[in-house]
Amino acid sequence: MESELFAIDALRAFVLVNVVYLLSILFFRKHKQLISVIHILILLIMVQYFIFVQRDYIFDEYPTIAYPMIAVVLLSYYVFFRDLNSFIKTKKFEKDASSKEIK
């Protein structure tokens, strides 16, 4: 029962994060890439917290699902760092382009 309540609360938090993400994308279109990177980071933290808190239950009841779930989390970290790197390169390019226009 306790794990079911935790799962329901986790789903509510997931829905809230995604609604805030959608509204942020709609209202702050200029910062779309930054919002996307922050959204992925928040989702990673949520999934990692869920796995950490429920690890005994997950590994005891669903061992065949637990290890692929960890692999997906690691793959998600790759996606996050790739998006973060892309965002940083884009900002550097914009900064270099604006400094060349000033000269």
PDB file of N, CA and C in Angstrom:
ATOM      1  N   MET A   1       0.819  -1.188   0.000  1.00  0.00           N
ATOM      2  CA  MET A   1       0.000   0.000   0.000  1.00  0.00           C
ATOM      3  C   MET A   1       0.868   1.260   0.000  1.00  0.00           C
ATOM      4  N   GLU A   2       1.937   1.221   0.785  1.00  0.00           N
ATOM      5  CA  GLU A   2       2.817   2.385   0.870  1.00  0.00           C
ATOM      6  C   GLU A   2       3.491   2.668  -0.469  1.00  0.00           C
ATOM      7  N   SER A   3       3.917   1.610  -1.154  1.00  0.00           N
ATOM      8  CA  SER A   3       4.568   1.807  -2.450  1.00  0.00           C
ATOM      9  C   SER A   3       3.580   2.299  -3.498  1.00  0.00           C
ATOM     10  N   GLU A   4       2.315   1.904  -3.374  1.00  0.00           N
ATOM     11  CA  GLU A   4       1.297   2.392  -4.310  1.00  0.00           C
ATOM     12  C   GLU A   4       1.067   3.884  -4.124  1.00  0.00           C
ATOM     13  N   LEU A   5       1.011   4.328  -2.875  1.00  0.00           N
ATOM     14  CA  LEU A   5       0.850   5.761  -2.608  1.00  0.00           C
ATOM     15  C   LEU A   5       2.053   6.550  -3.106  1.00  0.00           C
ATOM     16  N   PHE A   6       3.234   5.991  -2.917  1.00  0.00           N
ATOM     17  CA  PHE A   6       4.442   6.647  -3.414  1.00  0.00           C
ATOM     18  C   PHE A   6       4.401   6.751  -4.938  1.00  0.00           C
ATOM     19  N   ALA A   7       3.952   5.687  -5.602  1.00  0.00           N
ATOM     20  CA  ALA A   7       3.865   5.701  -7.066  1.00  0.00           C
ATOM     21  C   ALA A   7       2.847   6.727  -7.543  1.00  0.00           C
ATOM     22  N   ILE A   8       1.727   6.840  -6.850  1.00  0.00           N
ATOM     23  CA  ILE A   8       0.716   7.837  -7.224  1.00  0.00           C
ATOM     24  C   ILE A   8       1.278   9.244  -7.051  1.00  0.00           C
ATOM     25  N   ASP A   9       1.973   9.486  -5.949  1.00  0.00           N
ATOM     26  CA  ASP A   9       2.593  10.801  -5.736  1.00  0.00           C
ATOM     27  C   ASP A   9       3.661  11.089  -6.789  1.00  0.00           C
ATOM     28  N   ALA A  10       4.415  10.068  -7.167  1.00  0.00           N
ATOM     29  CA  ALA A  10       5.435  10.243  -8.206  1.00  0.00           C
ATOM     30  C   ALA A  10       4.784  10.575  -9.547  1.00  0.00           C
ATOM     31  N   LEU A  11       3.669   9.930  -9.857  1.00  0.00           N
ATOM     32  CA  LEU A  11       2.962  10.240 -11.107  1.00  0.00           C
ATOM     33  C   LEU A  11       2.400  11.656 -11.092  1.00  0.00           C
ATOM     34  N   ARG A  12       1.894  12.082  -9.947  1.00  0.00           N
ATOM     35  CA  ARG A  12       1.401  13.464  -9.837  1.00  0.00           C
ATOM     36  C   ARG A  12       2.537  14.462 -10.070  1.00  0.00           C
ATOM     37  N   ALA A  13       3.686  14.197  -9.479  1.00  0.00           N
ATOM     38  CA  ALA A  13       4.844  15.078  -9.677  1.00  0.00           C
ATOM     39  C   ALA A  13       5.274  15.075 -11.141  1.00  0.00           C
ATOM     40  N   PHE A  14       5.247  13.904 -11.778  1.00  0.00           N
ATOM     41  CA  PHE A  14       5.602  13.796 -13.190  1.00  0.00           C
ATOM     42  C   PHE A  14       4.652  14.619 -14.057  1.00  0.00           C
ATOM     43  N   VAL A  15       3.361  14.525 -13.787  1.00  0.00           N
ATOM     44  CA  VAL A  15       2.376  15.301 -14.544  1.00  0.00           C
ATOM     45  C   VAL A  15       2.594  16.791 -14.314  1.00  0.00           C
ATOM     46  N   LEU A  16       2.838  17.194 -13.081  1.00  0.00           N
ATOM     47  CA  LEU A  16       3.071  18.603 -12.771  1.00  0.00           C
ATOM     48  C   LEU A  16       4.299  19.140 -13.501  1.00  0.00           C
ATOM     49  N   VAL A  17       5.384  18.370 -13.489  1.00  0.00           N
ATOM     50  CA  VAL A  17       6.607  18.794 -14.181  1.00  0.00           C
ATOM     51  C   VAL A  17       6.348  18.945 -15.676  1.00  0.00           C
ATOM     52  N   ASN A  18       5.611  18.027 -16.266  1.00  0.00           N
ATOM     53  CA  ASN A  18       5.346  18.102 -17.699  1.00  0.00           C
ATOM     54  C   ASN A  18       4.398  19.241 -18.060  1.00  0.00           C
ATOM     55  N   VAL A  19       3.438  19.542 -17.199  1.00  0.00           N
ATOM     56  CA  VAL A  19       2.549  20.682 -17.452  1.00  0.00           C
ATOM     57  C   VAL A  19       3.338  21.986 -17.370  1.00  0.00           C
ATOM     58  N   VAL A  20       4.192  22.108 -16.365  1.00  0.00           N
ATOM     59  CA  VAL A  20       5.031  23.309 -16.242  1.00  0.00           C
ATOM     60  C   VAL A  20       5.960  23.429 -17.447  1.00  0.00           C
ATOM     61  N   TYR A  21       6.499  22.303 -17.902  1.00  0.00           N
ATOM     62  CA  TYR A  21       7.363  22.302 -19.089  1.00  0.00           C
ATOM     63  C   TYR A  21       6.594  22.798 -20.314  1.00  0.00           C
ATOM     64  N   LEU A  22       5.389  22.286 -20.510  1.00  0.00           N
ATOM     65  CA  LEU A  22       4.580  22.695 -21.659  1.00  0.00           C
ATOM     66  C   LEU A  22       4.264  24.187 -21.606  1.00  0.00           C
ATOM     67  N   LEU A  23       3.862  24.669 -20.445  1.00  0.00           N
ATOM     68  CA  LEU A  23       3.559  26.096 -20.310  1.00  0.00           C
ATOM     69  C   LEU A  23       4.805  26.957 -20.507  1.00  0.00           C
ATOM     70  N   SER A  24       5.929  26.487 -20.009  1.00  0.00           N
ATOM     71  CA  SER A  24       7.180  27.236 -20.181  1.00  0.00           C
ATOM     72  C   SER A  24       7.568  27.330 -21.648  1.00  0.00           C
ATOM     73  N   ILE A  25       7.406  26.228 -22.370  1.00  0.00           N
ATOM     74  CA  ILE A  25       7.721  26.240 -23.801  1.00  0.00           C
ATOM     75  C   ILE A  25       6.804  27.207 -24.545  1.00  0.00           C
ATOM     76  N   LEU A  26       5.538  27.245 -24.151  1.00  0.00           N
ATOM     77  CA  LEU A  26       4.595  28.131 -24.831  1.00  0.00           C
ATOM     78  C   LEU A  26       4.884  29.604 -24.554  1.00  0.00           C
ATOM     79  N   PHE A  27       5.259  29.934 -23.316  1.00  0.00           N
ATOM     80  CA  PHE A  27       5.438  31.333 -22.951  1.00  0.00           C
ATOM     81  C   PHE A  27       6.859  31.851 -23.147  1.00  0.00           C
ATOM     82  N   PHE A  28       7.831  30.989 -23.074  1.00  0.00           N
ATOM     83  CA  PHE A  28       9.232  31.410 -23.196  1.00  0.00           C
ATOM     84  C   PHE A  28       9.879  30.718 -24.393  1.00  0.00           C
ATOM     85  N   ARG A  29       9.393  31.007 -25.566  1.00  0.00           N
ATOM     86  CA  ARG A  29       9.880  30.340 -26.781  1.00  0.00           C
ATOM     87  C   ARG A  29      11.346  30.650 -27.070  1.00  0.00           C
ATOM     88  N   LYS A  30      11.798  31.797 -26.628  1.00  0.00           N
ATOM     89  CA  LYS A  30      13.185  32.182 -26.888  1.00  0.00           C
ATOM     90  C   LYS A  30      14.165  31.268 -26.149  1.00  0.00           C
ATOM     91  N   HIS A  31      13.751  30.753 -25.005  1.00  0.00           N
ATOM     92  CA  HIS A  31      14.616  29.920 -24.167  1.00  0.00           C
ATOM     93  C   HIS A  31      14.221  28.448 -24.238  1.00  0.00           C
ATOM     94  N   LYS A  32      13.732  28.030 -25.377  1.00  0.00           N
ATOM     95  CA  LYS A  32      13.210  26.671 -25.540  1.00  0.00           C
ATOM     96  C   LYS A  32      14.262  25.598 -25.260  1.00  0.00           C
ATOM     97  N   GLN A  33      15.465  25.797 -25.742  1.00  0.00           N
ATOM     98  CA  GLN A  33      16.515  24.791 -25.576  1.00  0.00           C
ATOM     99  C   GLN A  33      16.942  24.683 -24.113  1.00  0.00           C
ATOM    100  N   LEU A  34      17.064  25.802 -23.431  1.00  0.00           N
ATOM    101  CA  LEU A  34      17.421  25.784 -22.012  1.00  0.00           C
ATOM    102  C   LEU A  34      16.327  25.112 -21.186  1.00  0.00           C
ATOM    103  N   ILE A  35      15.087  25.405 -21.476  1.00  0.00           N
ATOM    104  CA  ILE A  35      13.970  24.783 -20.764  1.00  0.00           C
ATOM    105  C   ILE A  35      13.965  23.279 -20.994  1.00  0.00           C
ATOM    106  N   SER A  36      14.278  22.862 -22.194  1.00  0.00           N
ATOM    107  CA  SER A  36      14.328  21.431 -22.497  1.00  0.00           C
ATOM    108  C   SER A  36      15.427  20.732 -21.705  1.00  0.00           C
ATOM    109  N   VAL A  37      16.589  21.355 -21.601  1.00  0.00           N
ATOM    110  CA  VAL A  37      17.699  20.772 -20.834  1.00  0.00           C
ATOM    111  C   VAL A  37      17.328  20.676 -19.353  1.00  0.00           C
ATOM    112  N   ILE A  38      16.714  21.717 -18.819  1.00  0.00           N
ATOM    113  CA  ILE A  38      16.299  21.694 -17.414  1.00  0.00           C
ATOM    114  C   ILE A  38      15.231  20.628 -17.187  1.00  0.00           C
ATOM    115  N   HIS A  39      14.311  20.482 -18.127  1.00  0.00           N
ATOM    116  CA  HIS A  39      13.254  19.470 -18.022  1.00  0.00           C
ATOM    117  C   HIS A  39      13.841  18.065 -17.983  1.00  0.00           C
ATOM    118  N   ILE A  40      14.790  17.794 -18.851  1.00  0.00           N
ATOM    119  CA  ILE A  40      15.423  16.470 -18.858  1.00  0.00           C
ATOM    120  C   ILE A  40      16.149  16.225 -17.539  1.00  0.00           C
ATOM    121  N   LEU A  41      16.824  17.240 -17.013  1.00  0.00           N
ATOM    122  CA  LEU A  41      17.523  17.089 -15.734  1.00  0.00           C
ATOM    123  C   LEU A  41      16.543  16.787 -14.600  1.00  0.00           C
ATOM    124  N   ILE A  42      15.434  17.490 -14.559  1.00  0.00           N
ATOM    125  CA  ILE A  42      14.437  17.250 -13.509  1.00  0.00           C
ATOM    126  C   ILE A  42      13.864  15.841 -13.621  1.00  0.00           C
ATOM    127  N   LEU A  43      13.577  15.399 -14.845  1.00  0.00           N
ATOM    128  CA  LEU A  43      13.059  14.038 -15.020  1.00  0.00           C
ATOM    129  C   LEU A  43      14.083  12.994 -14.595  1.00  0.00           C
ATOM    130  N   LEU A  44      15.341  13.220 -14.907  1.00  0.00           N
ATOM    131  CA  LEU A  44      16.387  12.289 -14.475  1.00  0.00           C
ATOM    132  C   LEU A  44      16.473  12.211 -12.956  1.00  0.00           C
ATOM    133  N   ILE A  45      16.409  13.346 -12.312  1.00  0.00           N
ATOM    134  CA  ILE A  45      16.458  13.362 -10.847  1.00  0.00           C
ATOM    135  C   ILE A  45      15.252  12.631 -10.266  1.00  0.00           C
ATOM    136  N   MET A  46      14.076  12.850 -10.851  1.00  0.00           N
ATOM    137  CA  MET A  46      12.875  12.174 -10.363  1.00  0.00           C
ATOM    138  C   MET A  46      12.973  10.660 -10.531  1.00  0.00           C
ATOM    139  N   VAL A  47      13.412  10.199 -11.685  1.00  0.00           N
ATOM    140  CA  VAL A  47      13.514   8.757 -11.928  1.00  0.00           C
ATOM    141  C   VAL A  47      14.572   8.140 -11.033  1.00  0.00           C
ATOM    142  N   GLN A  48      15.692   8.822 -10.889  1.00  0.00           N
ATOM    143  CA  GLN A  48      16.751   8.294 -10.035  1.00  0.00           C
ATOM    144  C   GLN A  48      16.295   8.238  -8.575  1.00  0.00           C
ATOM    145  N   TYR A  49      15.565   9.237  -8.127  1.00  0.00           N
ATOM    146  CA  TYR A  49      15.030   9.227  -6.766  1.00  0.00           C
ATOM    147  C   TYR A  49      14.037   8.078  -6.583  1.00  0.00           C
ATOM    148  N   PHE A  50      13.175   7.884  -7.569  1.00  0.00           N
ATOM    149  CA  PHE A  50      12.189   6.799  -7.505  1.00  0.00           C
ATOM    150  C   PHE A  50      12.884   5.446  -7.411  1.00  0.00           C
ATOM    151  N   ILE A  51      13.904   5.241  -8.222  1.00  0.00           N
ATOM    152  CA  ILE A  51      14.642   3.973  -8.188  1.00  0.00           C
ATOM    153  C   ILE A  51      15.367   3.816  -6.854  1.00  0.00           C
ATOM    154  N   PHE A  52      15.955   4.887  -6.356  1.00  0.00           N
ATOM    155  CA  PHE A  52      16.699   4.818  -5.098  1.00  0.00           C
ATOM    156  C   PHE A  52      15.779   4.490  -3.923  1.00  0.00           C
ATOM    157  N   VAL A  53      14.631   5.153  -3.863  1.00  0.00           N
ATOM    158  CA  VAL A  53      13.725   4.948  -2.736  1.00  0.00           C
ATOM    159  C   VAL A  53      13.069   3.569  -2.792  1.00  0.00           C
ATOM    160  N   GLN A  54      12.726   3.107  -3.977  1.00  0.00           N
ATOM    161  CA  GLN A  54      12.007   1.842  -4.124  1.00  0.00           C
ATOM    162  C   GLN A  54      12.913   0.696  -4.566  1.00  0.00           C
ATOM    163  N   ARG A  55      14.207   0.815  -4.388  1.00  0.00           N
ATOM    164  CA  ARG A  55      15.136  -0.179  -4.927  1.00  0.00           C
ATOM    165  C   ARG A  55      14.908  -1.577  -4.367  1.00  0.00           C
ATOM    166  N   ASP A  56      14.624  -1.696  -3.076  1.00  0.00           N
ATOM    167  CA  ASP A  56      14.394  -3.027  -2.506  1.00  0.00           C
ATOM    168  C   ASP A  56      13.172  -3.684  -3.135  1.00  0.00           C
ATOM    169  N   TYR A  57      12.103  -2.921  -3.240  1.00  0.00           N
ATOM    170  CA  TYR A  57      10.873  -3.455  -3.828  1.00  0.00           C
ATOM    171  C   TYR A  57      11.069  -3.786  -5.306  1.00  0.00           C
ATOM    172  N   ILE A  58      11.697  -2.889  -6.041  1.00  0.00           N
ATOM    173  CA  ILE A  58      11.881  -3.098  -7.480  1.00  0.00           C
ATOM    174  C   ILE A  58      12.764  -4.310  -7.747  1.00  0.00           C
ATOM    175  N   PHE A  59      13.889  -4.406  -7.043  1.00  0.00           N
ATOM    176  CA  PHE A  59      14.814  -5.511  -7.308  1.00  0.00           C
ATOM    177  C   PHE A  59      14.290  -6.847  -6.789  1.00  0.00           C
ATOM    178  N   ASP A  60      13.445  -6.826  -5.752  1.00  0.00           N
ATOM    179  CA  ASP A  60      12.871  -8.076  -5.255  1.00  0.00           C
ATOM    180  C   ASP A  60      11.708  -8.560  -6.111  1.00  0.00           C
ATOM    181  N   GLU A  61      10.826  -7.644  -6.480  1.00  0.00           N
ATOM    182  CA  GLU A  61       9.610  -8.033  -7.197  1.00  0.00           C
ATOM    183  C   GLU A  61       9.787  -8.073  -8.714  1.00  0.00           C
ATOM    184  N   TYR A  62      10.589  -7.184  -9.252  1.00  0.00           N
ATOM    185  CA  TYR A  62      10.740  -7.070 -10.710  1.00  0.00           C
ATOM    186  C   TYR A  62      12.213  -7.022 -11.113  1.00  0.00           C
ATOM    187  N   PRO A  63      12.979  -8.051 -10.862  1.00  0.00           N
ATOM    188  CA  PRO A  63      14.415  -7.989 -11.193  1.00  0.00           C
ATOM    189  C   PRO A  63      14.681  -7.925 -12.697  1.00  0.00           C
ATOM    190  N   THR A  64      13.779  -8.467 -13.509  1.00  0.00           N
ATOM    191  CA  THR A  64      14.001  -8.421 -14.958  1.00  0.00           C
ATOM    192  C   THR A  64      13.759  -7.027 -15.519  1.00  0.00           C
ATOM    193  N   ILE A  65      13.001  -6.218 -14.815  1.00  0.00           N
ATOM    194  CA  ILE A  65      12.726  -4.853 -15.263  1.00  0.00           C
ATOM    195  C   ILE A  65      13.730  -3.867 -14.662  1.00  0.00           C
ATOM    196  N   ALA A  66      14.270  -4.191 -13.500  1.00  0.00           N
ATOM    197  CA  ALA A  66      15.133  -3.252 -12.777  1.00  0.00           C
ATOM    198  C   ALA A  66      16.403  -2.915 -13.547  1.00  0.00           C
ATOM    199  N   TYR A  67      17.054  -3.914 -14.090  1.00  0.00           N
ATOM    200  CA  TYR A  67      18.322  -3.654 -14.780  1.00  0.00           C
ATOM    201  C   TYR A  67      18.135  -2.895 -16.095  1.00  0.00           C
ATOM    202  N   PRO A  68      17.132  -3.228 -16.905  1.00  0.00           N
ATOM    203  CA  PRO A  68      16.899  -2.370 -18.083  1.00  0.00           C
ATOM    204  C   PRO A  68      16.514  -0.938 -17.702  1.00  0.00           C
ATOM    205  N   MET A  69      15.824  -0.780 -16.560  1.00  0.00           N
ATOM    206  CA  MET A  69      15.466   0.561 -16.107  1.00  0.00           C
ATOM    207  C   MET A  69      16.725   1.366 -15.797  1.00  0.00           C
ATOM    208  N   ILE A  70      17.696   0.738 -15.167  1.00  0.00           N
ATOM    209  CA  ILE A  70      18.965   1.419 -14.874  1.00  0.00           C
ATOM    210  C   ILE A  70      19.694   1.755 -16.174  1.00  0.00           C
ATOM    211  N   ALA A  71      19.632   0.858 -17.145  1.00  0.00           N
ATOM    212  CA  ALA A  71      20.259   1.128 -18.443  1.00  0.00           C
ATOM    213  C   ALA A  71      19.595   2.322 -19.128  1.00  0.00           C
ATOM    214  N   VAL A  72      18.278   2.416 -19.020  1.00  0.00           N
ATOM    215  CA  VAL A  72      17.564   3.554 -19.616  1.00  0.00           C
ATOM    216  C   VAL A  72      17.944   4.853 -18.908  1.00  0.00           C
ATOM    217  N   VAL A  73      18.109   4.809 -17.601  1.00  0.00           N
ATOM    218  CA  VAL A  73      18.531   6.008 -16.860  1.00  0.00           C
ATOM    219  C   VAL A  73      19.922   6.441 -17.312  1.00  0.00           C
ATOM    220  N   LEU A  74      20.826   5.487 -17.472  1.00  0.00           N
ATOM    221  CA  LEU A  74      22.173   5.833 -17.946  1.00  0.00           C
ATOM    222  C   LEU A  74      22.135   6.395 -19.363  1.00  0.00           C
ATOM    223  N   LEU A  75      21.290   5.837 -20.204  1.00  0.00           N
ATOM    224  CA  LEU A  75      21.114   6.369 -21.555  1.00  0.00           C
ATOM    225  C   LEU A  75      20.527   7.779 -21.502  1.00  0.00           C
ATOM    226  N   SER A  76      19.646   8.015 -20.561  1.00  0.00           N
ATOM    227  CA  SER A  76      19.061   9.346 -20.401  1.00  0.00           C
ATOM    228  C   SER A  76      20.106  10.364 -19.963  1.00  0.00           C
ATOM    229  N   TYR A  77      21.064   9.934 -19.144  1.00  0.00           N
ATOM    230  CA  TYR A  77      22.161  10.837 -18.792  1.00  0.00           C
ATOM    231  C   TYR A  77      22.967  11.209 -20.032  1.00  0.00           C
ATOM    232  N   TYR A  78      23.164  10.259 -20.924  1.00  0.00           N
ATOM    233  CA  TYR A  78      23.858  10.557 -22.179  1.00  0.00           C
ATOM    234  C   TYR A  78      23.082  11.612 -22.969  1.00  0.00           C
ATOM    235  N   VAL A  79      21.771  11.445 -23.063  1.00  0.00           N
ATOM    236  CA  VAL A  79      20.938  12.411 -23.789  1.00  0.00           C
ATOM    237  C   VAL A  79      21.019  13.782 -23.125  1.00  0.00           C
ATOM    238  N   PHE A  80      20.975  13.804 -21.803  1.00  0.00           N
ATOM    239  CA  PHE A  80      21.058  15.075 -21.085  1.00  0.00           C
ATOM    240  C   PHE A  80      22.373  15.788 -21.368  1.00  0.00           C
ATOM    241  N   PHE A  81      23.490  15.084 -21.242  1.00  0.00           N
ATOM    242  CA  PHE A  81      24.790  15.723 -21.464  1.00  0.00           C
ATOM    243  C   PHE A  81      24.989  16.109 -22.927  1.00  0.00           C
ATOM    244  N   ARG A  82      24.409  15.355 -23.854  1.00  0.00           N
ATOM    245  CA  ARG A  82      24.474  15.723 -25.263  1.00  0.00           C
ATOM    246  C   ARG A  82      23.701  17.015 -25.504  1.00  0.00           C
ATOM    247  N   ASP A  83      22.492  17.113 -24.934  1.00  0.00           N
ATOM    248  CA  ASP A  83      21.701  18.332 -25.084  1.00  0.00           C
ATOM    249  C   ASP A  83      22.366  19.523 -24.400  1.00  0.00           C
ATOM    250  N   LEU A  84      22.949  19.290 -23.246  1.00  0.00           N
ATOM    251  CA  LEU A  84      23.645  20.364 -22.540  1.00  0.00           C
ATOM    252  C   LEU A  84      24.843  20.855 -23.344  1.00  0.00           C
ATOM    253  N   ASN A  85      25.593  19.940 -23.915  1.00  0.00           N
ATOM    254  CA  ASN A  85      26.735  20.302 -24.755  1.00  0.00           C
ATOM    255  C   ASN A  85      26.273  21.087 -25.982  1.00  0.00           C
ATOM    256  N   SER A  86      25.188  20.657 -26.588  1.00  0.00           N
ATOM    257  CA  SER A  86      24.643  21.367 -27.745  1.00  0.00           C
ATOM    258  C   SER A  86      24.210  22.778 -27.357  1.00  0.00           C
ATOM    259  N   PHE A  87      23.580  22.917 -26.203  1.00  0.00           N
ATOM    260  CA  PHE A  87      23.140  24.229 -25.731  1.00  0.00           C
ATOM    261  C   PHE A  87      24.334  25.150 -25.499  1.00  0.00           C
ATOM    262  N   ILE A  88      25.377  24.627 -24.874  1.00  0.00           N
ATOM    263  CA  ILE A  88      26.577  25.431 -24.601  1.00  0.00           C
ATOM    264  C   ILE A  88      27.253  25.853 -25.899  1.00  0.00           C
ATOM    265  N   LYS A  89      27.362  24.941 -26.865  1.00  0.00           N
ATOM    266  CA  LYS A  89      27.970  25.285 -28.155  1.00  0.00           C
ATOM    267  C   LYS A  89      27.155  26.345 -28.879  1.00  0.00           C
ATOM    268  N   THR A  90      25.833  26.236 -28.816  1.00  0.00           N
ATOM    269  CA  THR A  90      24.974  27.224 -29.462  1.00  0.00           C
ATOM    270  C   THR A  90      25.174  28.598 -28.836  1.00  0.00           C
ATOM    271  N   LYS A  91      25.238  28.649 -27.513  1.00  0.00           N
ATOM    272  CA  LYS A  91      25.437  29.932 -26.832  1.00  0.00           C
ATOM    273  C   LYS A  91      26.807  30.530 -27.151  1.00  0.00           C
ATOM    274  N   LYS A  92      27.841  29.683 -27.219  1.00  0.00           N
ATOM    275  CA  LYS A  92      29.173  30.177 -27.581  1.00  0.00           C
ATOM    276  C   LYS A  92      29.176  30.721 -29.003  1.00  0.00           C
ATOM    277  N   PHE A  93      28.506  30.016 -29.918  1.00  0.00           N
ATOM    278  CA  PHE A  93      28.439  30.465 -31.302  1.00  0.00           C
ATOM    279  C   PHE A  93      27.711  31.800 -31.393  1.00  0.00           C
ATOM    280  N   GLU A  94      26.602  31.944 -30.663  1.00  0.00           N
ATOM    281  CA  GLU A  94      25.862  33.202 -30.669  1.00  0.00           C
ATOM    282  C   GLU A  94      26.711  34.329 -30.082  1.00  0.00           C
ATOM    283  N   LYS A  95      27.455  34.035 -29.031  1.00  0.00           N
ATOM    284  CA  LYS A  95      28.309  35.048 -28.407  1.00  0.00           C
ATOM    285  C   LYS A  95      29.424  35.470 -29.356  1.00  0.00           C
ATOM    286  N   ASP A  96      30.047  34.493 -30.031  1.00  0.00           N
ATOM    287  CA  ASP A  96      31.103  34.810 -30.990  1.00  0.00           C
ATOM    288  C   ASP A  96      30.556  35.607 -32.167  1.00  0.00           C
ATOM    289  N   ALA A  97      29.373  35.240 -32.632  1.00  0.00           N
ATOM    290  CA  ALA A  97      28.765  35.952 -33.756  1.00  0.00           C
ATOM    291  C   ALA A  97      28.422  37.382 -33.365  1.00  0.00           C
ATOM    292  N   SER A  98      27.921  37.579 -32.154  1.00  0.00           N
ATOM    293  CA  SER A  98      27.575  38.938 -31.731  1.00  0.00           C
ATOM    294  C   SER A  98      28.827  39.779 -31.489  1.00  0.00           C
ATOM    295  N   SER A  99      29.907  39.161 -31.023  1.00  0.00           N
ATOM    296  CA  SER A  99      31.139  39.927 -30.814  1.00  0.00           C
ATOM    297  C   SER A  99      31.780  40.308 -32.148  1.00  0.00           C
ATOM    298  N   LYS A 100      31.612  39.481 -33.172  1.00  0.00           N
ATOM    299  CA  LYS A 100      32.137  39.817 -34.496  1.00  0.00           C
ATOM    300  C   LYS A 100      31.343  40.950 -35.123  1.00  0.00           C
ATOM    301  N   GLU A 101      30.031  41.010 -34.842  1.00  0.00           N
ATOM    302  CA  GLU A 101      29.208  42.090 -35.375  1.00  0.00           C
ATOM    303  C   GLU A 101      29.589  43.421 -34.748  1.00  0.00           C
ATOM    304  N   ILE A 102      29.969  43.407 -33.489  1.00  0.00           N
ATOM    305  CA  ILE A 102      30.336  44.641 -32.787  1.00  0.00           C
ATOM    306  C   ILE A 102      31.627  45.213 -33.352  1.00  0.00           C
ATOM    307  N   LYS A 103      32.571  44.344 -33.709  1.00  0.00           N
ATOM    308  CA  LYS A 103      33.856  44.807 -34.242  1.00  0.00           C
ATOM    309  C   LYS A 103      33.625  45.318 -35.604  1.00  0.00           C
TER     310      LYS A 103
END
